[in-house]
C-alpha atoms as a PDB file:
ATOM      1  CA  UNK A   1      17.346  18.267  13.837  1.00  0.00           C
ATOM      2  CA  UNK A   2      15.175  17.148  10.659  1.00  0.00           C
ATOM      3  CA  UNK A   3      13.825  19.503   8.256  1.00  0.00           C
ATOM      4  CA  UNK A   4      10.014  18.122   8.947  1.00  0.00           C
ATOM      5  CA  UNK A   5       8.610  17.472  12.226  1.00  0.00           C
ATOM      6  CA  UNK A   6       7.350  13.925  13.196  1.00  0.00           C
ATOM      7  CA  UNK A   7       3.970  13.293  12.168  1.00  0.00           C
ATOM      8  CA  UNK A   8       3.693  10.643  14.845  1.00  0.00           C
ATOM      9  CA  UNK A   9       4.007  13.182  17.271  1.00  0.00           C
ATOM     10  CA  UNK A  10       0.914  14.633  18.915  1.00  0.00           C
ATOM     11  CA  UNK A  11       1.880  18.500  17.763  1.00  0.00           C
ATOM     12  CA  UNK A  12       3.264  17.023  14.706  1.00  0.00           C
ATOM     13  CA  UNK A  13      -0.027  15.445  13.818  1.00  0.00           C
ATOM     14  CA  UNK A  14      -2.541  17.765  14.673  1.00  0.00           C
ATOM     15  CA  UNK A  15       0.022  20.504  12.970  1.00  0.00           C
ATOM     16  CA  UNK A  16      -0.848  18.841   9.682  1.00  0.00           C
ATOM     17  CA  UNK A  17      -4.301  17.792  10.240  1.00  0.00           C
ATOM     18  CA  UNK A  18      -5.969  19.739  13.171  1.00  0.00           C
ATOM     19  CA  UNK A  19      -5.943  23.108  11.919  1.00  0.00           C
ATOM     20  CA  UNK A  20      -8.240  25.653  10.021  1.00  0.00           C
ATOM     21  CA  UNK A  21      -5.267  26.604   7.800  1.00  0.00           C
ATOM     22  CA  UNK A  22      -4.732  22.665   6.605  1.00  0.00           C
ATOM     23  CA  UNK A  23      -8.302  21.433   6.408  1.00  0.00           C
ATOM     24  CA  UNK A  24      -8.080  21.238   2.447  1.00  0.00           C
ATOM     25  CA  UNK A  25      -5.131  18.462   3.405  1.00  0.00           C
ATOM     26  CA  UNK A  26      -7.489  16.657   5.767  1.00  0.00           C
ATOM     27  CA  UNK A  27     -10.239  16.639   3.802  1.00  0.00           C
ATOM     28  CA  UNK A  28      -8.371  15.463   1.074  1.00  0.00           C
ATOM     29  CA  UNK A  29      -6.517  12.423   3.149  1.00  0.00           C
ATOM     30  CA  UNK A  30     -10.383  11.503   4.728  1.00  0.00           C
ATOM     31  CA  UNK A  31     -11.938  11.442   1.290  1.00  0.00           C
ATOM     32  CA  UNK A  32      -9.366   8.457   0.345  1.00  0.00           C
ATOM     33  CA  UNK A  33     -10.879   6.663   3.581  1.00  0.00           C
ATOM     34  CA  UNK A  34     -14.712   7.496   3.438  1.00  0.00           C
ATOM     35  CA  UNK A  35     -17.333   6.008   1.279  1.00  0.00           C
ATOM     36  CA  UNK A  36     -17.864   7.463  -2.414  1.00  0.00           C
ATOM     37  CA  UNK A  37     -21.583   8.618  -0.586  1.00  0.00           C
ATOM     38  CA  UNK A  38     -19.549  10.329   2.045  1.00  0.00           C
ATOM     39  CA  UNK A  39     -17.805  12.035  -0.008  1.00  0.00           C
ATOM     40  CA  UNK A  40     -16.127  15.470   2.018  1.00  0.00           C
ATOM     41  CA  UNK A  41     -16.582  19.183   0.336  1.00  0.00           C
ATOM     42  CA  UNK A  42     -16.220  20.724   3.957  1.00  0.00           C
ATOM     43  CA  UNK A  43     -15.948  20.048   7.647  1.00  0.00           C
ATOM     44  CA  UNK A  44     -16.099  21.741  11.044  1.00  0.00           C
ATOM     45  CA  UNK A  45     -13.311  20.449  13.483  1.00  0.00           C
ATOM     46  CA  UNK A  46     -15.219  19.649  17.061  1.00  0.00           C
ATOM     47  CA  UNK A  47     -13.883  19.892  20.854  1.00  0.00           C
ATOM     48  CA  UNK A  48     -12.016  17.033  20.882  1.00  0.00           C
ATOM     49  CA  UNK A  49     -12.519  16.911  24.787  1.00  0.00           C
ATOM     50  CA  UNK A  50     -15.924  14.840  24.965  1.00  0.00           C
ATOM     51  CA  UNK A  51     -17.699  13.907  28.321  1.00  0.00           C
ATOM     52  CA  UNK A  52     -20.279  11.598  29.410  1.00  0.00           C
ATOM     53  CA  UNK A  53     -23.688  12.701  30.676  1.00  0.00           C
ATOM     54  CA  UNK A  54     -22.732  12.717  34.570  1.00  0.00           C
ATOM     55  CA  UNK A  55     -19.813  14.276  35.844  1.00  0.00           C
ATOM     56  CA  UNK A  56     -18.535  11.004  37.159  1.00  0.00           C
ATOM     57  CA  UNK A  57     -18.723   9.077  33.736  1.00  0.00           C
ATOM     58  CA  UNK A  58     -15.652   8.691  31.975  1.00  0.00           C
ATOM     59  CA  UNK A  59     -14.373  11.086  29.592  1.00  0.00           C
ATOM     60  CA  UNK A  60     -13.181  10.779  25.933  1.00  0.00           C
ATOM     61  CA  UNK A  61      -9.697  12.946  24.364  1.00  0.00           C
ATOM     62  CA  UNK A  62      -9.978  12.345  20.615  1.00  0.00           C
ATOM     63  CA  UNK A  63      -6.711  13.533  18.203  1.00  0.00           C
ATOM     64  CA  UNK A  64      -8.974  15.005  15.883  1.00  0.00           C
ATOM     65  CA  UNK A  65     -12.432  14.970  16.044  1.00  0.00           C
ATOM     66  CA  UNK A  66     -14.355  16.469  13.370  1.00  0.00           C
ATOM     67  CA  UNK A  67     -18.017  17.078  11.473  1.00  0.00           C
ATOM     68  CA  UNK A  68     -18.655  16.814   7.729  1.00  0.00           C
ATOM     69  CA  UNK A  69     -20.933  19.354   6.191  1.00  0.00           C
ATOM     70  CA  UNK A  70     -23.220  17.016   5.499  1.00  0.00           C
ATOM     71  CA  UNK A  71     -23.025  15.441   9.025  1.00  0.00           C
ATOM     72  CA  UNK A  72     -21.015  12.306   9.352  1.00  0.00           C
ATOM     73  CA  UNK A  73     -19.319  12.487  12.507  1.00  0.00           C
ATOM     74  CA  UNK A  74     -15.062  11.820  12.339  1.00  0.00           C
ATOM     75  CA  UNK A  75     -12.485  10.816  15.125  1.00  0.00           C
ATOM     76  CA  UNK A  76      -9.120  10.382  13.672  1.00  0.00           C
ATOM     77  CA  UNK A  77      -6.540   8.811  16.034  1.00  0.00           C
ATOM     78  CA  UNK A  78      -2.537   8.775  15.457  1.00  0.00           C
ATOM     79  CA  UNK A  79      -1.988   5.840  17.849  1.00  0.00           C
ATOM     80  CA  UNK A  80       1.831   5.502  18.919  1.00  0.00           C
ATOM     81  CA  UNK A  81       1.952   2.414  21.100  1.00  0.00           C
ATOM     82  CA  UNK A  82       0.164  -0.823  21.219  1.00  0.00           C
ATOM     83  CA  UNK A  83      -2.040  -0.916  24.206  1.00  0.00           C
ATOM     84  CA  UNK A  84      -4.449  -3.096  26.038  1.00  0.00           C
ATOM     85  CA  UNK A  85      -7.650  -3.232  24.749  1.00  0.00           C
ATOM     86  CA  UNK A  86      -7.422  -0.876  22.165  1.00  0.00           C
ATOM     87  CA  UNK A  87     -10.149  -2.181  19.929  1.00  0.00           C
ATOM     88  CA  UNK A  88     -12.259  -1.521  22.825  1.00  0.00           C
ATOM     89  CA  UNK A  89     -11.306   2.156  23.365  1.00  0.00           C
ATOM     90  CA  UNK A  90     -12.058   2.226  19.558  1.00  0.00           C
ATOM     91  CA  UNK A  91     -15.579   1.218  19.915  1.00  0.00           C
ATOM     92  CA  UNK A  92     -15.879   3.366  23.239  1.00  0.00           C
ATOM     93  CA  UNK A  93     -14.574   6.181  21.268  1.00  0.00           C
ATOM     94  CA  UNK A  94     -17.614   5.975  18.657  1.00  0.00           C
ATOM     95  CA  UNK A  95     -20.277   6.013  21.528  1.00  0.00           C
ATOM     96  CA  UNK A  96     -19.867   9.694  22.177  1.00  0.00           C
ATOM     97  CA  UNK A  97     -20.632  10.834  18.199  1.00  0.00           C
ATOM     98  CA  UNK A  98     -23.193   8.557  18.109  1.00  0.00           C
ATOM     99  CA  UNK A  99     -24.827   9.821  21.594  1.00  0.00           C
ATOM    100  CA  UNK A 100     -24.534  13.139  20.881  1.00  0.00           C
ATOM    101  CA  UNK A 101     -26.817  12.900  17.798  1.00  0.00           C
ATOM    102  CA  UNK A 102     -29.655  11.816  20.486  1.00  0.00           C
ATOM    103  CA  UNK A 103     -32.206  14.470  19.746  1.00  0.00           C
ATOM    104  CA  UNK A 104     -34.811  15.798  22.934  1.00  0.00           C
ATOM    105  CA  UNK A 105     -38.625  14.867  22.834  1.00  0.00           C
ATOM    106  CA  UNK A 106     -39.892  13.074  19.693  1.00  0.00           C
ATOM    107  CA  UNK A 107     -36.960  11.790  17.569  1.00  0.00           C
ATOM    108  CA  UNK A 108     -36.902   8.558  15.401  1.00  0.00           C
ATOM    109  CA  UNK A 109     -33.376   7.231  15.926  1.00  0.00           C
ATOM    110  CA  UNK A 110     -31.897   8.123  12.596  1.00  0.00           C
ATOM    111  CA  UNK A 111     -28.617   9.034  12.885  1.00  0.00           C
ATOM    112  CA  UNK A 112     -25.456  10.242  10.839  1.00  0.00           C
ATOM    113  CA  UNK A 113     -22.270   7.808   9.745  1.00  0.00           C
ATOM    114  CA  UNK A 114     -19.643   7.780  12.344  1.00  0.00           C
ATOM    115  CA  UNK A 115     -16.161   6.650  11.184  1.00  0.00           C
ATOM    116  CA  UNK A 116     -13.257   6.101  13.540  1.00  0.00           C
ATOM    117  CA  UNK A 117      -9.781   6.498  11.899  1.00  0.00           C
ATOM    118  CA  UNK A 118      -6.838   4.772  13.527  1.00  0.00           C
ATOM    119  CA  UNK A 119      -3.191   5.132  12.151  1.00  0.00           C
ATOM    120  CA  UNK A 120      -1.542   2.881  14.049  1.00  0.00           C
ATOM    121  CA  UNK A 121       2.574   2.957  14.357  1.00  0.00           C
ATOM    122  CA  UNK A 122       2.636  -0.934  15.666  1.00  0.00           C
ATOM    123  CA  UNK A 123       0.994  -4.060  14.597  1.00  0.00           C
ATOM    124  CA  UNK A 124      -2.215  -5.604  15.349  1.00  0.00           C
ATOM    125  CA  UNK A 125      -1.225  -9.405  15.640  1.00  0.00           C
ATOM    126  CA  UNK A 126       2.366  -9.817  14.060  1.00  0.00           C
ATOM    127  CA  UNK A 127       1.344 -13.621  14.234  1.00  0.00           C
ATOM    128  CA  UNK A 128      -1.544 -12.618  11.854  1.00  0.00           C
ATOM    129  CA  UNK A 129      -1.686 -14.025   8.461  1.00  0.00           C
ATOM    130  CA  UNK A 130      -3.728 -10.776   6.982  1.00  0.00           C
ATOM    131  CA  UNK A 131      -0.801  -8.656   5.731  1.00  0.00           C
ATOM    132  CA  UNK A 132      -2.654  -5.633   4.345  1.00  0.00           C
ATOM    133  CA  UNK A 133      -1.831  -2.298   6.072  1.00  0.00           C
ATOM    134  CA  UNK A 134      -5.344  -0.860   5.970  1.00  0.00           C
ATOM    135  CA  UNK A 135      -8.329  -2.698   7.692  1.00  0.00           C
ATOM    136  CA  UNK A 136     -11.791  -1.720   7.274  1.00  0.00           C
ATOM    137  CA  UNK A 137     -14.185  -3.089   9.846  1.00  0.00           C
ATOM    138  CA  UNK A 138     -17.937  -3.143   9.817  1.00  0.00           C
ATOM    139  CA  UNK A 139     -21.015  -4.695  11.583  1.00  0.00           C
ATOM    140  CA  UNK A 140     -21.917  -8.203   9.989  1.00  0.00           C
ATOM    141  CA  UNK A 141     -24.503 -10.974  10.413  1.00  0.00           C
ATOM    142  CA  UNK A 142     -23.523 -14.733   9.913  1.00  0.00           C
ATOM    143  CA  UNK A 143     -23.330 -14.442   6.224  1.00  0.00           C
ATOM    144  CA  UNK A 144     -20.883 -11.935   5.641  1.00  0.00           C
ATOM    145  CA  UNK A 145     -23.987  -9.777   4.699  1.00  0.00           C
ATOM    146  CA  UNK A 146     -23.604  -6.306   6.299  1.00  0.00           C
ATOM    147  CA  UNK A 147     -25.620  -5.374   9.035  1.00  0.00           C
ATOM    148  CA  UNK A 148     -25.311  -1.880   9.429  1.00  0.00           C
ATOM    149  CA  UNK A 149     -23.453   0.823   6.950  1.00  0.00           C
ATOM    150  CA  UNK A 150     -23.198   3.907   9.196  1.00  0.00           C
ATOM    151  CA  UNK A 151     -20.655   2.617  11.697  1.00  0.00           C
ATOM    152  CA  UNK A 152     -17.094   2.002  10.181  1.00  0.00           C
ATOM    153  CA  UNK A 153     -13.537   1.494  11.524  1.00  0.00           C
ATOM    154  CA  UNK A 154     -10.509   1.777   9.665  1.00  0.00           C
ATOM    155  CA  UNK A 155      -7.218   1.058  10.988  1.00  0.00           C
ATOM    156  CA  UNK A 156      -4.114   1.530   9.047  1.00  0.00           C
ATOM    157  CA  UNK A 157      -0.723  -0.898  10.723  1.00  0.00           C
ATOM    158  CA  UNK A 158       1.576   1.589   9.334  1.00  0.00           C
ATOM    159  CA  UNK A 159       4.407  -0.812   9.693  1.00  0.00           C
ATOM    160  CA  UNK A 160       3.065  -3.215   6.861  1.00  0.00           C
ATOM    161  CA  UNK A 161       3.090  -0.232   4.274  1.00  0.00           C
ATOM    162  CA  UNK A 162       6.651  -0.571   2.985  1.00  0.00           C
ATOM    163  CA  UNK A 163       6.419   0.691  -0.526  1.00  0.00           C
ATOM    164  CA  UNK A 164       9.343   3.076  -2.192  1.00  0.00           C
ATOM    165  CA  UNK A 165       8.750   5.892  -3.770  1.00  0.00           C
ATOM    166  CA  UNK A 166       8.515   4.580  -7.274  1.00  0.00           C
ATOM    167  CA  UNK A 167       6.171   1.910  -6.302  1.00  0.00           C
ATOM    168  CA  UNK A 168       3.426   4.365  -5.216  1.00  0.00           C
ATOM    169  CA  UNK A 169       0.425   3.953  -7.803  1.00  0.00           C
ATOM    170  CA  UNK A 170      -2.494   5.908  -6.032  1.00  0.00           C
ATOM    171  CA  UNK A 171      -3.302   8.900  -4.113  1.00  0.00           C
ATOM    172  CA  UNK A 172      -3.797   7.258  -0.792  1.00  0.00           C
ATOM    173  CA  UNK A 173      -0.367   5.088  -0.792  1.00  0.00           C
ATOM    174  CA  UNK A 174       1.021   8.788  -1.469  1.00  0.00           C
ATOM    175  CA  UNK A 175      -0.693   9.800   1.517  1.00  0.00           C
ATOM    176  CA  UNK A 176       1.098   7.037   3.940  1.00  0.00           C
ATOM    177  CA  UNK A 177       4.827   7.920   2.508  1.00  0.00           C
ATOM    178  CA  UNK A 178       4.122  11.043   3.271  1.00  0.00           C
ATOM    179  CA  UNK A 179       3.129  10.365   7.094  1.00  0.00           C
ATOM    180  CA  UNK A 180       6.188   7.315   6.976  1.00  0.00           C
ATOM    181  CA  UNK A 181       8.882   9.248   5.284  1.00  0.00           C
ATOM    182  CA  UNK A 182       8.370  13.054   6.433  1.00  0.00           C
ATOM    183  CA  UNK A 183      10.735  13.307   9.641  1.00  0.00           C
ATOM    184  CA  UNK A 184      13.676  11.575   7.090  1.00  0.00           C
ATOM    185  CA  UNK A 185      12.975  14.121   4.136  1.00  0.00           C
ATOM    186  CA  UNK A 186      15.286  16.826   3.139  1.00  0.00           C
ATOM    187  CA  UNK A 187      12.576  17.999   0.061  1.00  0.00           C
ATOM    188  CA  UNK A 188      10.094  16.910  -1.602  1.00  0.00           C
ATOM    189  CA  UNK A 189       9.997  13.585  -3.482  1.00  0.00           C
ATOM    190  CA  UNK A 190       9.165  14.128  -7.329  1.00  0.00           C
ATOM    191  CA  UNK A 191       5.814  11.834  -6.819  1.00  0.00           C
ATOM    192  CA  UNK A 192       5.210  14.094  -4.257  1.00  0.00           C
ATOM    193  CA  UNK A 193       5.320  17.374  -6.181  1.00  0.00           C
ATOM    194  CA  UNK A 194       1.018  17.991  -6.484  1.00  0.00           C
ATOM    195  CA  UNK A 195      -0.380  20.951  -4.706  1.00  0.00           C
ATOM    196  CA  UNK A 196      -1.786  19.580  -1.627  1.00  0.00           C
ATOM    197  CA  UNK A 197       1.233  17.693  -0.915  1.00  0.00           C
ATOM    198  CA  UNK A 198       3.468  21.096  -1.555  1.00  0.00           C
ATOM    199  CA  UNK A 199       1.269  23.023   1.037  1.00  0.00           C
ATOM    200  CA  UNK A 200       1.375  20.763   4.149  1.00  0.00           C
ATOM    201  CA  UNK A 201       4.860  20.119   3.362  1.00  0.00           C
ATOM    202  CA  UNK A 202       5.397  23.605   3.871  1.00  0.00           C
ATOM    203  CA  UNK A 203       3.421  23.507   7.312  1.00  0.00           C
ATOM    204  CA  UNK A 204       5.449  20.862   8.280  1.00  0.00           C
ATOM    205  CA  UNK A 205       9.172  22.727   8.392  1.00  0.00           C
ATOM    206  CA  UNK A 206      10.313  23.069  11.397  1.00  0.00           C
ATOM    207  CA  UNK A 207      12.223  26.510  10.476  1.00  0.00           C
ATOM    208  CA  UNK A 208       8.735  27.930  10.137  1.00  0.00           C
ATOM    209  CA  UNK A 209       7.536  27.009  14.065  1.00  0.00           C
ATOM    210  CA  UNK A 210       7.772  30.344  16.360  1.00  0.00           C
ATOM    211  CA  UNK A 211       9.454  29.563  19.635  1.00  0.00           C
ATOM    212  CA  UNK A 212       6.476  28.677  21.352  1.00  0.00           C
ATOM    213  CA  UNK A 213       5.276  25.869  18.491  1.00  0.00           C
ATOM    214  CA  UNK A 214       8.980  24.935  18.545  1.00  0.00           C
ATOM    215  CA  UNK A 215       9.358  24.402  22.163  1.00  0.00           C
ATOM    216  CA  UNK A 216       5.579  22.215  21.946  1.00  0.00           C
ATOM    217  CA  UNK A 217       6.935  20.343  19.483  1.00  0.00           C
ATOM    218  CA  UNK A 218      10.661  19.924  21.225  1.00  0.00           C
ATOM    219  CA  UNK A 219       8.386  18.321  24.500  1.00  0.00           C
ATOM    220  CA  UNK A 220       6.290  16.606  21.758  1.00  0.00           C
ATOM    221  CA  UNK A 221       9.061  14.763  20.238  1.00  0.00           C
ATOM    222  CA  UNK A 222      10.556  14.335  23.385  1.00  0.00           C
ATOM    223  CA  UNK A 223       7.642  12.362  24.437  1.00  0.00           C
ATOM    224  CA  UNK A 224       7.484  10.328  21.608  1.00  0.00           C
ATOM    225  CA  UNK A 225      10.936   8.997  21.790  1.00  0.00           C
ATOM    226  CA  UNK A 226      10.534   7.923  25.493  1.00  0.00           C
ATOM    227  CA  UNK A 227       7.199   5.815  24.522  1.00  0.00           C
ATOM    228  CA  UNK A 228       8.756   4.390  21.662  1.00  0.00           C
ATOM    229  CA  UNK A 229      11.857   3.601  23.747  1.00  0.00           C
ATOM    230  CA  UNK A 230       9.697   2.034  26.104  1.00  0.00           C
ATOM    231  CA  UNK A 231       7.919   0.226  23.819  1.00  0.00           C
ATOM    232  CA  UNK A 232      11.052  -1.711  22.110  1.00  0.00           C
ATOM    233  CA  UNK A 233      12.909  -2.296  25.405  1.00  0.00           C
ATOM    234  CA  UNK A 234       9.511  -4.200  26.969  1.00  0.00           C
ATOM    235  CA  UNK A 235       9.623  -6.035  23.787  1.00  0.00           C
ATOM    236  CA  UNK A 236      13.282  -7.226  23.692  1.00  0.00           C
ATOM    237  CA  UNK A 237      12.422  -8.194  27.111  1.00  0.00           C
ATOM    238  CA  UNK A 238       9.776 -10.405  26.096  1.00  0.00           C
ATOM    239  CA  UNK A 239      11.735 -11.589  23.614  1.00  0.00           C
ATOM    240  CA  UNK A 240      14.605 -12.450  25.889  1.00  0.00           C
ATOM    241  CA  UNK A 241      12.368 -13.619  28.453  1.00  0.00           C
ATOM    242  CA  UNK A 242      10.549 -16.099  25.799  1.00  0.00           C
ATOM    243  CA  UNK A 243      13.858 -17.253  24.808  1.00  0.00           C
ATOM    244  CA  UNK A 244      14.741 -18.057  27.826  1.00  0.00           C
ATOM    245  CA  UNK A 245      11.554 -19.951  28.851  1.00  0.00           C
ATOM    246  CA  UNK A 246      12.454 -22.128  25.679  1.00  0.00           C
ATOM    247  CA  UNK A 247      15.988 -22.891  26.748  1.00  0.00           C
ATOM    248  CA  UNK A 248      15.026 -24.179  30.048  1.00  0.00           C
ATOM    249  CA  UNK A 249      11.979 -26.226  28.325  1.00  0.00           C
ATOM    250  CA  UNK A 250      14.841 -27.775  25.913  1.00  0.00           C
ATOM    251  CA  UNK A 251      16.933 -28.735  28.922  1.00  0.00           C
ATOM    252  CA  UNK A 252      13.583 -30.624  30.614  1.00  0.00           C
ATOM    253  CA  UNK A 253      12.718 -32.395  27.121  1.00  0.00           C
ATOM    254  CA  UNK A 254      16.485 -33.324  27.801  1.00  0.00           C
ATOM    255  CA  UNK A 255      16.278 -34.465  30.946  1.00  0.00           C
ATOM    256  CA  UNK A 256      13.615 -36.579  30.305  1.00  0.00           C
ATOM    257  CA  UNK A 257      15.242 -38.570  27.464  1.00  0.00           C
ATOM    258  CA  UNK A 258      18.263 -39.356  29.649  1.00  0.00           C
ATOM    259  CA  UNK A 259      15.967 -40.459  32.658  1.00  0.00           C
ATOM    260  CA  UNK A 260      13.998 -42.636  30.061  1.00  0.00           C
ATOM    261  CA  UNK A 261      17.885 -43.668  28.721  1.00  0.00           C
ATOM    262  CA  UNK A 262      18.971 -45.126  33.113  1.00  0.00           C
ATOM    263  CA  UNK A 263      21.379 -42.213  33.558  1.00  0.00           C
ATOM    264  CA  UNK A 264      21.638 -41.260  37.521  1.00  0.00           C
ATOM    265  CA  UNK A 265      20.202 -37.814  38.369  1.00  0.00           C
ATOM    266  CA  UNK A 266      24.031 -37.034  38.599  1.00  0.00           C
ATOM    267  CA  UNK A 267      25.113 -37.363  35.268  1.00  0.00           C
ATOM    268  CA  UNK A 268      21.747 -36.011  33.867  1.00  0.00           C
ATOM    269  CA  UNK A 269      22.475 -32.603  36.197  1.00  0.00           C
ATOM    270  CA  UNK A 270      25.877 -32.655  35.052  1.00  0.00           C
ATOM    271  CA  UNK A 271      24.695 -32.459  30.867  1.00  0.00           C
ATOM    272  CA  UNK A 272      21.556 -30.031  30.963  1.00  0.00           C
ATOM    273  CA  UNK A 273      22.694 -28.159  34.002  1.00  0.00           C
ATOM    274  CA  UNK A 274      19.068 -28.795  35.680  1.00  0.00           C
ATOM    275  CA  UNK A 275      19.604 -29.382  39.671  1.00  0.00           C
ATOM    276  CA  UNK A 276      18.943 -32.694  40.923  1.00  0.00           C
ATOM    277  CA  UNK A 277      15.754 -32.116  42.796  1.00  0.00           C
ATOM    278  CA  UNK A 278      14.215 -30.735  39.485  1.00  0.00           C
ATOM    279  CA  UNK A 279      15.151 -33.893  37.729  1.00  0.00           C
ATOM    280  CA  UNK A 280      13.769 -36.124  40.896  1.00  0.00           C
ATOM    281  CA  UNK A 281      10.452 -34.169  39.833  1.00  0.00           C
ATOM    282  CA  UNK A 282      10.394 -35.016  36.170  1.00  0.00           C
END
């Protein structure tokens, strides 16, 4: 068992950032992400379970949902595995803090800013040429001019963050290093010996959990391991399937070439391992 909790687990992430006792750490982390004009001095935690206007409407359950002292709405998600329509899900989630600002009677439609911050334990697209671990998304027109500055999505792809301790140059990089390596550490790294990190390291100690919290953490950790294992298995199976399809295509191409050279179907079958009936169809 590690000395510190794994922040990628539901329990670990909410323990570190989703409690009043650690509000200072959350504010410090969020101030590295929000626009300067939205710098946070204080915030309140909201109900993480949100419903539509009607009972039959789809609900949304956030990891952490808070409102700043000046009214900004912020959703923070720790996403452990890639899911279908993830971007659609993020957009859907932001409809809740937008709609809840509606006022009865006369209202001029003025809204407070909404942020959706997602810390991802996977890459959006491994074939993408974009190597940035942080992606900020806003609404822009065809000239890349900002159309609306009160809705912002921030996606942090943790697998792309690979800086070592001696390479950290910003406070934000220190936070990402903390999140990525917390479960592996035995002591606080020298570069993280700051008040805000020392406090959150103390919170993260597994030995400080009571029995109920310890049991909840172990269940959460087991769920994380199972999800990670299932994702890795699916990835390996997909990769093997891709290799098999590639080998089959090579055989077919070889058979076509040999056929063009006038070899008999039986000879081509011996060389490629394809059945004669498959070669006849080429």
